[in-house]
Amino acid sequence: MTSFNHSAFGAATHWLHTDVAGLRMLAPGYGRIRVAPAVAPDLTHAAVRHITGQGEIYLAWRIADGTMTVDRVTPVPAEVDLPLGGPRTRSAPGTHTWSCELPEGYGRSLLNT
């Protein structure tokens, strides 16, 4: 459980949810969401679960062999915007998976090169 009453904790959690995992609220109460994960070469995966009045939202992404795969399970519609020229689409509530190719180097650590 994260306390949003402490700005430092809330700010870090907000960044992890909205930028790293890619979950953004588009309508009050998460009635509609945007899926737009941010990627960087050293990030290979992220996942978030968020309980809303509409039900649980689950979003996860991973990078393997130059391909980013995004899984989403939600009770609400979503706008999906995959990074680096990946597909943009709208989807109905439910379970969905998308994939896109990423430029060379994404998904491997720059620290070990």
Protein backbone atom coordinates (compact mmCIF):
# COMPACT_ATOMS: atom_id res chain seq x y z
CA MET A 1 0.00 0.00 0.00
CA THR A 2 1.36 3.40 -0.94
CA SER A 3 0.45 6.53 0.96
CA PHE A 4 -0.37 9.36 -1.43
CA ASN A 5 -0.53 11.67 1.61
CA HIS A 6 3.25 11.99 1.40
CA SER A 7 4.19 13.79 -1.80
CA ALA A 8 7.53 12.05 -2.22
CA PHE A 9 5.90 8.60 -2.19
CA GLY A 10 2.97 9.69 -4.35
CA ALA A 11 5.24 11.33 -6.93
CA ALA A 12 7.42 8.24 -7.29
CA THR A 13 4.40 5.95 -7.57
CA HIS A 14 2.72 8.25 -10.07
CA TRP A 15 5.85 8.17 -12.25
CA LEU A 16 6.04 4.36 -12.06
CA HIS A 17 2.36 3.96 -12.97
CA THR A 18 2.12 6.58 -15.72
CA ASP A 19 5.55 6.61 -17.34
CA VAL A 20 7.26 3.29 -16.68
CA ALA A 21 4.22 0.99 -16.72
CA GLY A 22 2.30 3.31 -19.05
CA LEU A 23 -1.11 3.50 -17.34
CA ARG A 24 -2.93 6.84 -17.63
CA MET A 25 -6.46 7.79 -16.65
CA LEU A 26 -8.46 9.43 -19.48
CA ALA A 27 -11.88 9.57 -17.84
CA PRO A 28 -12.93 10.06 -14.22
CA GLY A 29 -12.65 6.93 -12.09
CA TYR A 30 -10.56 5.21 -14.78
CA GLY A 31 -13.64 4.90 -16.99
CA ARG A 32 -11.26 4.99 -19.98
CA ILE A 33 -7.48 4.57 -19.94
CA ARG A 34 -4.42 5.15 -22.08
CA VAL A 35 -1.69 2.53 -22.38
CA ALA A 36 1.59 4.21 -23.36
CA PRO A 37 4.67 2.67 -21.74
CA ALA A 38 7.95 4.55 -21.89
CA VAL A 39 10.97 2.43 -22.70
CA ALA A 40 14.69 2.93 -22.29
CA PRO A 41 17.50 0.54 -23.16
CA ASP A 42 17.96 -0.65 -19.56
CA LEU A 43 14.25 -1.33 -18.92
CA THR A 44 13.12 -4.80 -19.98
CA HIS A 45 9.79 -5.19 -18.19
CA ALA A 46 7.20 -3.55 -15.97
CA ALA A 47 3.77 -4.41 -14.60
CA VAL A 48 1.08 -2.61 -12.66
CA ARG A 49 -2.23 -3.57 -11.02
CA HIS A 50 -4.64 -0.80 -10.10
CA ILE A 51 -7.99 -1.25 -8.35
CA THR A 52 -10.69 1.15 -9.57
CA GLY A 53 -14.43 1.50 -9.14
CA GLN A 54 -14.71 -0.22 -12.54
CA GLY A 55 -12.65 -3.23 -11.41
CA GLU A 56 -8.99 -4.23 -11.55
CA ILE A 57 -6.71 -2.95 -14.28
CA TYR A 58 -3.64 -5.05 -15.07
CA LEU A 59 -0.98 -3.86 -17.48
CA ALA A 60 2.38 -5.48 -18.17
CA TRP A 61 5.05 -5.12 -20.82
CA ARG A 62 8.30 -6.91 -21.56
CA ILE A 63 11.07 -6.75 -24.12
CA ALA A 64 12.71 -9.89 -25.48
CA ASP A 65 14.69 -10.40 -28.67
CA GLY A 66 13.97 -6.86 -29.89
CA THR A 67 10.20 -7.17 -29.54
CA MET A 68 8.04 -5.37 -27.00
CA THR A 69 4.93 -7.24 -25.89
CA VAL A 70 2.18 -5.50 -23.94
CA ASP A 71 -0.56 -7.37 -22.07
CA ARG A 72 -3.66 -5.60 -20.79
CA VAL A 73 -6.64 -6.89 -18.79
CA THR A 74 -9.19 -4.19 -18.00
CA PRO A 75 -12.91 -3.69 -17.47
CA VAL A 76 -12.76 -0.41 -19.46
CA PRO A 77 -11.85 0.68 -23.02
CA ALA A 78 -8.31 1.84 -23.74
CA GLU A 79 -6.30 3.90 -26.18
CA VAL A 80 -3.02 2.12 -26.86
CA ASP A 81 0.09 3.96 -28.01
CA LEU A 82 3.16 1.74 -28.22
CA PRO A 83 6.54 3.50 -28.22
CA LEU A 84 9.00 4.26 -30.99
CA GLY A 85 6.58 4.06 -33.89
CA GLY A 86 4.64 1.08 -32.60
CA PRO A 87 0.93 0.75 -33.36
CA ARG A 88 -1.72 3.14 -32.06
CA THR A 89 -5.15 1.69 -31.55
CA ARG A 90 -8.30 1.72 -29.44
CA SER A 91 -9.55 -1.42 -27.79
CA ALA A 92 -12.64 -2.66 -25.98
CA PRO A 93 -12.63 -3.88 -22.38
CA GLY A 94 -11.13 -7.32 -21.86
CA THR A 95 -7.83 -9.12 -22.37
CA HIS A 96 -5.54 -7.92 -25.16
CA THR A 97 -1.93 -8.37 -26.26
CA TRP A 98 0.09 -6.23 -28.67
CA SER A 99 3.64 -6.53 -29.98
CA CYS A 100 6.00 -4.23 -31.83
CA GLU A 101 9.61 -4.34 -32.99
CA LEU A 102 12.04 -1.99 -31.23
CA PRO A 103 15.31 -0.47 -32.45
CA GLU A 104 18.46 -2.47 -31.83
CA GLY A 105 19.75 -2.13 -28.28
CA TYR A 106 16.45 -1.88 -26.46
CA GLY A 107 16.07 -4.57 -23.85
CA ARG A 108 19.77 -5.00 -23.15
CA SER A 109 21.72 -3.22 -20.48
CA LEU A 110 24.03 -0.39 -21.46
CA LEU A 111 25.99 -1.07 -18.28
CA ASN A 112 27.31 -4.40 -19.62
CA THR A 113 28.45 -3.23 -23.06
